[in-house]
Amino acid sequence: MNFFKKGILTTGLMGFAGLCVAATPTMGWKIESSEPVNQITFGIKINAAAPVDEFYFANQFGFTGGGGIGYTGIQPTKNTKNGKRQFMVLFSSFRKDTSTNFKNCKGGADGAKAGATCRLYIPGELGDTFLFKVKKEGQVLTGTAVNTTTGREDVIGVWKVGENAGNLAVSQSSWIENYKMNNSNYHLTCDNKGWPYYEVKFLPPTGNDGKLNGTISTLSRGSDACPGAITWTHDETGTLVKGGFK
């Protein structure tokens, strides 16, 4: 997945070859706080999404001490062999000072040696709301996915960062990516086969286990590849994005 660090797009989880920043729809999030933030909860409600491997709905977070960033989010994916709906949830680090030995994680991100990538398949249905909890305790970060509709909670991954990372930063980006487009040989078609419809709502984040309130901005842009394929509405409850073709 592509991600943003000080406005510079770098490579992504699936071996991203390079899209410009402006081509990826983004939202800015912020938490108002005068105290250190060591826990952030992001929320995404998935109203519609085809069971295919193509899209990533993600939230990016940084550190007050600088260095690389992390992100967490969800990807619709193919149904299980018995036809049950499932999603892939992710919790990744792009910091050089990252280490992990958690069962769902492996060292390295974007094909590089640095960082860590944690992923897990979880059950879910359309209409479910998923929370992505990032908690920093000392040097250890834990990423957890909670399905608020069913009450199911899963630890996606655990990794450790250097002492200089500091606390969690109070602002960063959320974004939507068609990661098939990371492959230079992929050609997007503007129809329901090339771009199956999705409808997702990004919720305002909260901090320090709900003690701090946050906001999320409207979407930055639509689609250059298929003009008009992405529409969105925004209010204080979040940003609802509709993309693709039915």
C-alpha atoms as a PDB file:
ATOM      1  CA  MET A   1       0.000   0.000   0.000  1.00  0.00           C
ATOM      2  CA  ASN A   2       1.250   3.416  -0.640  1.00  0.00           C
ATOM      3  CA  PHE A   3       1.640   5.769   2.275  1.00  0.00           C
ATOM      4  CA  PHE A   4       2.519   9.388   2.924  1.00  0.00           C
ATOM      5  CA  LYS A   5       5.393  10.764   4.935  1.00  0.00           C
ATOM      6  CA  LYS A   6       5.713  14.518   4.945  1.00  0.00           C
ATOM      7  CA  GLY A   7       3.868  14.568   1.637  1.00  0.00           C
ATOM      8  CA  ILE A   8       6.218  12.113  -0.081  1.00  0.00           C
ATOM      9  CA  LEU A   9       4.776   8.903  -1.469  1.00  0.00           C
ATOM     10  CA  THR A  10       6.894   5.810  -0.953  1.00  0.00           C
ATOM     11  CA  THR A  11       6.459   2.173  -1.790  1.00  0.00           C
ATOM     12  CA  GLY A  12       3.634  -0.001  -0.463  1.00  0.00           C
ATOM     13  CA  LEU A  13       2.847  -3.353   1.062  1.00  0.00           C
ATOM     14  CA  MET A  14       2.172  -5.189  -2.172  1.00  0.00           C
ATOM     15  CA  GLY A  15       5.450  -4.115  -3.748  1.00  0.00           C
ATOM     16  CA  PHE A  16       4.170  -0.750  -4.890  1.00  0.00           C
ATOM     17  CA  ALA A  17       6.013   0.664  -7.900  1.00  0.00           C
ATOM     18  CA  GLY A  18       4.846   4.252  -7.544  1.00  0.00           C
ATOM     19  CA  LEU A  19       1.742   6.408  -7.852  1.00  0.00           C
ATOM     20  CA  CYS A  20       1.823  10.151  -7.379  1.00  0.00           C
ATOM     21  CA  VAL A  21       0.411  11.457  -4.112  1.00  0.00           C
ATOM     22  CA  ALA A  22      -2.338  13.358  -5.890  1.00  0.00           C
ATOM     23  CA  ALA A  23      -3.692  10.159  -7.493  1.00  0.00           C
ATOM     24  CA  THR A  24      -4.673   8.575  -4.175  1.00  0.00           C
ATOM     25  CA  PRO A  25      -7.821   9.817  -2.387  1.00  0.00           C
ATOM     26  CA  THR A  26      -6.828  10.892   1.118  1.00  0.00           C
ATOM     27  CA  MET A  27      -8.348  12.356   4.268  1.00  0.00           C
ATOM     28  CA  GLY A  28      -6.569  14.139   7.079  1.00  0.00           C
ATOM     29  CA  TRP A  29      -7.306  13.167  10.667  1.00  0.00           C
ATOM     30  CA  LYS A  30      -6.461  15.011  13.866  1.00  0.00           C
ATOM     31  CA  ILE A  31      -6.883  14.527  17.610  1.00  0.00           C
ATOM     32  CA  GLU A  32      -7.115  17.564  19.846  1.00  0.00           C
ATOM     33  CA  SER A  33      -4.911  16.999  22.878  1.00  0.00           C
ATOM     34  CA  SER A  34      -2.692  18.854  25.308  1.00  0.00           C
ATOM     35  CA  GLU A  35      -1.527  15.569  26.820  1.00  0.00           C
ATOM     36  CA  PRO A  36       0.626  12.763  25.410  1.00  0.00           C
ATOM     37  CA  VAL A  37      -1.260  10.340  23.154  1.00  0.00           C
ATOM     38  CA  ASN A  38      -0.364   6.669  23.481  1.00  0.00           C
ATOM     39  CA  GLN A  39      -3.550   5.108  22.115  1.00  0.00           C
ATOM     40  CA  ILE A  40      -5.580   5.877  18.970  1.00  0.00           C
ATOM     41  CA  THR A  41      -8.759   4.208  17.715  1.00  0.00           C
ATOM     42  CA  PHE A  42      -9.710   4.486  14.046  1.00  0.00           C
ATOM     43  CA  GLY A  43     -13.081   3.368  12.669  1.00  0.00           C
ATOM     44  CA  ILE A  44     -14.237   2.177   9.246  1.00  0.00           C
ATOM     45  CA  LYS A  45     -17.744   1.014   8.343  1.00  0.00           C
ATOM     46  CA  ILE A  46     -17.988  -1.108   5.193  1.00  0.00           C
ATOM     47  CA  ASN A  47     -21.441  -0.846   3.633  1.00  0.00           C
ATOM     48  CA  ALA A  48     -20.535  -2.381   0.277  1.00  0.00           C
ATOM     49  CA  ALA A  49     -17.454  -4.096  -1.155  1.00  0.00           C
ATOM     50  CA  ALA A  50     -17.033  -6.979  -3.568  1.00  0.00           C
ATOM     51  CA  PRO A  51     -15.192 -10.077  -2.242  1.00  0.00           C
ATOM     52  CA  VAL A  52     -12.111  -9.443  -4.367  1.00  0.00           C
ATOM     53  CA  ASP A  53      -8.482  -8.530  -3.696  1.00  0.00           C
ATOM     54  CA  GLU A  54      -8.220  -4.958  -4.950  1.00  0.00           C
ATOM     55  CA  PHE A  55      -8.806  -2.210  -2.377  1.00  0.00           C
ATOM     56  CA  TYR A  56      -7.220  -1.085   0.867  1.00  0.00           C
ATOM     57  CA  PHE A  57      -8.949   1.270   3.330  1.00  0.00           C
ATOM     58  CA  ALA A  58      -6.211   2.506   5.636  1.00  0.00           C
ATOM     59  CA  ASN A  59      -5.244   4.831   8.467  1.00  0.00           C
ATOM     60  CA  GLN A  60      -1.698   6.090   8.846  1.00  0.00           C
ATOM     61  CA  PHE A  61      -0.084   7.209  12.102  1.00  0.00           C
ATOM     62  CA  GLY A  62       3.221   8.765  13.116  1.00  0.00           C
ATOM     63  CA  PHE A  63       5.388   9.447  16.150  1.00  0.00           C
ATOM     64  CA  THR A  64       6.344  12.619  17.972  1.00  0.00           C
ATOM     65  CA  GLY A  65       9.998  11.567  17.840  1.00  0.00           C
ATOM     66  CA  GLY A  66       9.973  11.325  14.062  1.00  0.00           C
ATOM     67  CA  GLY A  67      11.268   8.418  12.051  1.00  0.00           C
ATOM     68  CA  GLY A  68       9.096   6.176   9.904  1.00  0.00           C
ATOM     69  CA  ILE A  69       5.349   5.776  10.270  1.00  0.00           C
ATOM     70  CA  GLY A  70       2.843   2.964  10.667  1.00  0.00           C
ATOM     71  CA  TYR A  71      -0.563   2.162   9.288  1.00  0.00           C
ATOM     72  CA  THR A  72      -3.518  -0.041  10.005  1.00  0.00           C
ATOM     73  CA  GLY A  73      -6.639  -0.870   8.035  1.00  0.00           C
ATOM     74  CA  ILE A  74      -8.703  -3.405   6.165  1.00  0.00           C
ATOM     75  CA  GLN A  75      -8.908  -5.061   2.760  1.00  0.00           C
ATOM     76  CA  PRO A  76     -11.938  -6.844   1.309  1.00  0.00           C
ATOM     77  CA  THR A  77     -10.813 -10.232   0.023  1.00  0.00           C
ATOM     78  CA  LYS A  78     -12.120 -13.456  -1.468  1.00  0.00           C
ATOM     79  CA  ASN A  79     -14.649 -15.498   0.472  1.00  0.00           C
ATOM     80  CA  THR A  80     -13.542 -18.574   2.371  1.00  0.00           C
ATOM     81  CA  LYS A  81     -13.760 -21.988   0.715  1.00  0.00           C
ATOM     82  CA  ASN A  82     -17.176 -22.528   2.303  1.00  0.00           C
ATOM     83  CA  GLY A  83     -18.487 -19.186   1.021  1.00  0.00           C
ATOM     84  CA  LYS A  84     -18.159 -17.154   4.208  1.00  0.00           C
ATOM     85  CA  ARG A  85     -17.284 -13.476   4.000  1.00  0.00           C
ATOM     86  CA  GLN A  86     -13.860 -12.464   5.325  1.00  0.00           C
ATOM     87  CA  PHE A  87     -11.534  -9.466   5.392  1.00  0.00           C
ATOM     88  CA  MET A  88      -7.811  -8.993   5.780  1.00  0.00           C
ATOM     89  CA  VAL A  89      -6.720  -6.564   8.517  1.00  0.00           C
ATOM     90  CA  LEU A  90      -3.220  -5.101   8.641  1.00  0.00           C
ATOM     91  CA  PHE A  91      -0.864  -3.392  11.079  1.00  0.00           C
ATOM     92  CA  SER A  92       2.460  -2.306   9.609  1.00  0.00           C
ATOM     93  CA  SER A  93       5.572  -0.338  10.493  1.00  0.00           C
ATOM     94  CA  PHE A  94       7.933   1.453   8.146  1.00  0.00           C
ATOM     95  CA  ARG A  95      10.456   2.345  10.830  1.00  0.00           C
ATOM     96  CA  LYS A  96      14.035   1.141  10.629  1.00  0.00           C
ATOM     97  CA  ASP A  97      14.071   0.576  14.402  1.00  0.00           C
ATOM     98  CA  THR A  98      11.226  -1.987  14.298  1.00  0.00           C
ATOM     99  CA  SER A  99      11.481  -5.579  15.494  1.00  0.00           C
ATOM    100  CA  THR A 100       8.843  -8.274  15.923  1.00  0.00           C
ATOM    101  CA  ASN A 101       8.427 -11.940  16.799  1.00  0.00           C
ATOM    102  CA  PHE A 102       4.607 -11.979  16.890  1.00  0.00           C
ATOM    103  CA  LYS A 103       2.952 -14.892  15.085  1.00  0.00           C
ATOM    104  CA  ASN A 104       1.018 -12.763  12.558  1.00  0.00           C
ATOM    105  CA  CYS A 105       4.006 -10.554  11.712  1.00  0.00           C
ATOM    106  CA  LYS A 106       7.149 -10.696   9.653  1.00  0.00           C
ATOM    107  CA  GLY A 107      10.105  -8.364   9.488  1.00  0.00           C
ATOM    108  CA  GLY A 108      10.203  -5.879   6.646  1.00  0.00           C
ATOM    109  CA  ALA A 109       7.622  -3.822   4.786  1.00  0.00           C
ATOM    110  CA  ASP A 110       7.276  -3.076   1.068  1.00  0.00           C
ATOM    111  CA  GLY A 111       9.793  -5.780   0.324  1.00  0.00           C
ATOM    112  CA  ALA A 112      12.480  -3.958   2.319  1.00  0.00           C
ATOM    113  CA  LYS A 113      14.385  -5.296   5.323  1.00  0.00           C
ATOM    114  CA  ALA A 114      13.255  -2.423   7.549  1.00  0.00           C
ATOM    115  CA  GLY A 115       9.902  -2.311   9.319  1.00  0.00           C
ATOM    116  CA  ALA A 116       7.334  -5.022   9.963  1.00  0.00           C
ATOM    117  CA  THR A 117       4.139  -6.311   8.363  1.00  0.00           C
ATOM    118  CA  CYS A 118       1.336  -7.950  10.341  1.00  0.00           C
ATOM    119  CA  ARG A 119      -1.815  -9.333   8.734  1.00  0.00           C
ATOM    120  CA  LEU A 120      -4.741 -11.501   9.689  1.00  0.00           C
ATOM    121  CA  TYR A 121      -7.938 -12.803   8.053  1.00  0.00           C
ATOM    122  CA  ILE A 122     -11.069 -12.161  10.102  1.00  0.00           C
ATOM    123  CA  PRO A 123     -14.775 -12.875   9.505  1.00  0.00           C
ATOM    124  CA  GLY A 124     -17.209 -10.040   8.868  1.00  0.00           C
ATOM    125  CA  GLU A 125     -20.234  -8.938   6.890  1.00  0.00           C
ATOM    126  CA  LEU A 126     -21.238  -5.903   4.883  1.00  0.00           C
ATOM    127  CA  GLY A 127     -22.616  -3.258   7.196  1.00  0.00           C
ATOM    128  CA  ASP A 128     -20.148  -4.082   9.956  1.00  0.00           C
ATOM    129  CA  THR A 129     -18.082  -1.378  11.626  1.00  0.00           C
ATOM    130  CA  PHE A 130     -14.450  -2.175  12.356  1.00  0.00           C
ATOM    131  CA  LEU A 131     -12.299  -0.356  14.898  1.00  0.00           C
ATOM    132  CA  PHE A 132      -8.525  -0.355  14.588  1.00  0.00           C
ATOM    133  CA  LYS A 133      -6.832   0.254  17.909  1.00  0.00           C
ATOM    134  CA  VAL A 134      -3.189   1.284  18.078  1.00  0.00           C
ATOM    135  CA  LYS A 135      -1.652   1.221  21.554  1.00  0.00           C
ATOM    136  CA  LYS A 136       1.899   2.195  22.494  1.00  0.00           C
ATOM    137  CA  GLU A 137       3.181   0.938  25.842  1.00  0.00           C
ATOM    138  CA  GLY A 138       6.799   1.931  26.272  1.00  0.00           C
ATOM    139  CA  GLN A 139       8.494   0.766  23.086  1.00  0.00           C
ATOM    140  CA  VAL A 140       5.848  -1.855  22.205  1.00  0.00           C
ATOM    141  CA  LEU A 141       2.952  -1.184  19.817  1.00  0.00           C
ATOM    142  CA  THR A 142      -0.091  -3.421  19.547  1.00  0.00           C
ATOM    143  CA  GLY A 143      -2.613  -3.276  16.726  1.00  0.00           C
ATOM    144  CA  THR A 144      -6.085  -4.671  17.385  1.00  0.00           C
ATOM    145  CA  ALA A 145      -9.181  -5.029  15.182  1.00  0.00           C
ATOM    146  CA  VAL A 146     -12.633  -4.944  16.773  1.00  0.00           C
ATOM    147  CA  ASN A 147     -15.858  -5.726  14.925  1.00  0.00           C
ATOM    148  CA  THR A 148     -18.355  -3.605  16.850  1.00  0.00           C
ATOM    149  CA  THR A 149     -21.279  -5.404  15.211  1.00  0.00           C
ATOM    150  CA  THR A 150     -20.298  -8.842  16.505  1.00  0.00           C
ATOM    151  CA  GLY A 151     -18.038  -7.884  19.396  1.00  0.00           C
ATOM    152  CA  ARG A 152     -15.168  -9.958  18.014  1.00  0.00           C
ATOM    153  CA  GLU A 153     -11.686  -8.660  18.853  1.00  0.00           C
ATOM    154  CA  ASP A 154      -8.418  -9.798  17.265  1.00  0.00           C
ATOM    155  CA  VAL A 155      -4.824  -8.762  17.835  1.00  0.00           C
ATOM    156  CA  ILE A 156      -3.434  -8.098  14.356  1.00  0.00           C
ATOM    157  CA  GLY A 157       0.165  -7.713  15.430  1.00  0.00           C
ATOM    158  CA  VAL A 158       2.741  -6.521  17.923  1.00  0.00           C
ATOM    159  CA  TRP A 159       6.044  -4.814  17.187  1.00  0.00           C
ATOM    160  CA  LYS A 160       8.705  -2.859  19.027  1.00  0.00           C
ATOM    161  CA  VAL A 161      10.286   0.479  18.097  1.00  0.00           C
ATOM    162  CA  GLY A 162      13.284   2.435  19.350  1.00  0.00           C
ATOM    163  CA  GLU A 163      13.281   4.616  22.451  1.00  0.00           C
ATOM    164  CA  ASN A 164      13.448   7.787  20.342  1.00  0.00           C
ATOM    165  CA  ALA A 165      10.040   7.204  18.717  1.00  0.00           C
ATOM    166  CA  GLY A 166       8.241   9.184  21.401  1.00  0.00           C
ATOM    167  CA  ASN A 167       4.450   9.212  21.697  1.00  0.00           C
ATOM    168  CA  LEU A 168       1.878   8.807  18.942  1.00  0.00           C
ATOM    169  CA  ALA A 169       1.479  11.907  16.783  1.00  0.00           C
ATOM    170  CA  VAL A 170      -1.903  13.670  16.875  1.00  0.00           C
ATOM    171  CA  SER A 171      -2.411  14.047  13.118  1.00  0.00           C
ATOM    172  CA  GLN A 172      -1.793  12.104   9.901  1.00  0.00           C
ATOM    173  CA  SER A 173      -3.697  10.691   6.900  1.00  0.00           C
ATOM    174  CA  SER A 174      -6.283   8.072   5.997  1.00  0.00           C
ATOM    175  CA  TRP A 175      -6.622   6.854   2.435  1.00  0.00           C
ATOM    176  CA  ILE A 176      -8.155   4.526  -0.135  1.00  0.00           C
ATOM    177  CA  GLU A 177      -6.017   2.573  -2.560  1.00  0.00           C
ATOM    178  CA  ASN A 178      -6.609   0.295  -5.521  1.00  0.00           C
ATOM    179  CA  TYR A 179      -3.438  -1.712  -5.007  1.00  0.00           C
ATOM    180  CA  LYS A 180      -3.808  -3.605  -8.288  1.00  0.00           C
ATOM    181  CA  MET A 181      -2.712  -0.362  -9.902  1.00  0.00           C
ATOM    182  CA  ASN A 182       0.661  -0.782  -8.186  1.00  0.00           C
ATOM    183  CA  ASN A 183       1.480  -3.294 -10.916  1.00  0.00           C
ATOM    184  CA  SER A 184       2.649  -1.432 -14.022  1.00  0.00           C
ATOM    185  CA  ASN A 185       1.102  -4.146 -16.204  1.00  0.00           C
ATOM    186  CA  TYR A 186      -2.375  -3.683 -14.724  1.00  0.00           C
ATOM    187  CA  HIS A 187      -4.942  -1.797 -16.806  1.00  0.00           C
ATOM    188  CA  LEU A 188      -7.954  -0.386 -14.965  1.00  0.00           C
ATOM    189  CA  THR A 189     -11.300  -0.601 -16.748  1.00  0.00           C
ATOM    190  CA  CYS A 190     -14.113   1.723 -15.743  1.00  0.00           C
ATOM    191  CA  ASP A 191     -16.795  -0.902 -15.191  1.00  0.00           C
ATOM    192  CA  ASN A 192     -17.972  -3.263 -12.472  1.00  0.00           C
ATOM    193  CA  LYS A 193     -15.398  -5.889 -13.417  1.00  0.00           C
ATOM    194  CA  GLY A 194     -12.399  -3.591 -13.351  1.00  0.00           C
ATOM    195  CA  TRP A 195     -13.675  -1.472 -10.487  1.00  0.00           C
ATOM    196  CA  PRO A 196     -16.369  -3.214  -8.420  1.00  0.00           C
ATOM    197  CA  TYR A 197     -18.412  -0.860  -6.262  1.00  0.00           C
ATOM    198  CA  TYR A 198     -17.500  -0.073  -2.675  1.00  0.00           C
ATOM    199  CA  GLU A 199     -19.058   2.156  -0.039  1.00  0.00           C
ATOM    200  CA  VAL A 200     -17.085   2.856   3.119  1.00  0.00           C
ATOM    201  CA  LYS A 201     -17.274   5.409   5.893  1.00  0.00           C
ATOM    202  CA  PHE A 202     -14.188   6.653   7.715  1.00  0.00           C
ATOM    203  CA  LEU A 203     -15.054   7.683  11.265  1.00  0.00           C
ATOM    204  CA  PRO A 204     -13.322  10.374  13.354  1.00  0.00           C
ATOM    205  CA  PRO A 205     -10.579   8.838  15.510  1.00  0.00           C
ATOM    206  CA  THR A 206     -10.397   9.001  19.275  1.00  0.00           C
ATOM    207  CA  GLY A 207      -7.381   9.012  21.559  1.00  0.00           C
ATOM    208  CA  ASN A 208      -6.305   7.563  24.899  1.00  0.00           C
ATOM    209  CA  ASP A 209      -9.101   4.997  25.061  1.00  0.00           C
ATOM    210  CA  GLY A 210     -11.882   7.418  24.137  1.00  0.00           C
ATOM    211  CA  LYS A 211     -10.831  10.285  26.420  1.00  0.00           C
ATOM    212  CA  LEU A 212      -9.794  12.479  23.470  1.00  0.00           C
ATOM    213  CA  ASN A 213     -11.945  13.365  20.465  1.00  0.00           C
ATOM    214  CA  GLY A 214     -10.712  13.631  16.901  1.00  0.00           C
ATOM    215  CA  THR A 215     -11.845  14.786  13.491  1.00  0.00           C
ATOM    216  CA  ILE A 216     -11.435  13.563   9.947  1.00  0.00           C
ATOM    217  CA  SER A 217     -11.514  15.762   6.863  1.00  0.00           C
ATOM    218  CA  THR A 218     -13.426  15.441   3.645  1.00  0.00           C
ATOM    219  CA  LEU A 219     -11.873  13.441   0.790  1.00  0.00           C
ATOM    220  CA  SER A 220      -9.091  15.185  -1.115  1.00  0.00           C
ATOM    221  CA  ARG A 221     -10.088  14.168  -4.631  1.00  0.00           C
ATOM    222  CA  GLY A 222     -11.908  11.761  -6.902  1.00  0.00           C
ATOM    223  CA  SER A 223     -10.497   9.554  -9.657  1.00  0.00           C
ATOM    224  CA  ASP A 224      -8.378  10.672 -12.591  1.00  0.00           C
ATOM    225  CA  ALA A 225      -8.515   7.231 -14.209  1.00  0.00           C
ATOM    226  CA  CYS A 226     -12.337   7.059 -14.153  1.00  0.00           C
ATOM    227  CA  PRO A 227     -13.711  10.602 -13.681  1.00  0.00           C
ATOM    228  CA  GLY A 228     -16.857  10.613 -11.558  1.00  0.00           C
ATOM    229  CA  ALA A 229     -16.267   7.106 -10.221  1.00  0.00           C
ATOM    230  CA  ILE A 230     -15.618   8.373  -6.687  1.00  0.00           C
ATOM    231  CA  THR A 231     -18.153  10.488  -4.801  1.00  0.00           C
ATOM    232  CA  TRP A 232     -18.275  11.394  -1.141  1.00  0.00           C
ATOM    233  CA  THR A 233     -20.114  13.227   1.602  1.00  0.00           C
ATOM    234  CA  HIS A 234     -18.676  14.613   4.802  1.00  0.00           C
ATOM    235  CA  ASP A 235     -20.044  15.752   8.141  1.00  0.00           C
ATOM    236  CA  GLU A 236     -19.050  15.589  11.797  1.00  0.00           C
ATOM    237  CA  THR A 237     -19.761  11.838  11.893  1.00  0.00           C
ATOM    238  CA  GLY A 238     -17.140  11.065   9.252  1.00  0.00           C
ATOM    239  CA  THR A 239     -16.523  10.791   5.526  1.00  0.00           C
ATOM    240  CA  LEU A 240     -18.647   8.421   3.427  1.00  0.00           C
ATOM    241  CA  VAL A 241     -16.943   7.403   0.182  1.00  0.00           C
ATOM    242  CA  LYS A 242     -18.611   5.646  -2.754  1.00  0.00           C
ATOM    243  CA  GLY A 243     -16.397   4.339  -5.504  1.00  0.00           C
ATOM    244  CA  GLY A 244     -16.584   2.221  -8.623  1.00  0.00           C
ATOM    245  CA  PHE A 245     -19.435   0.734 -10.603  1.00  0.00           C
ATOM    246  CA  LYS A 246     -22.412  -1.481  -9.743  1.00  0.00           C
END
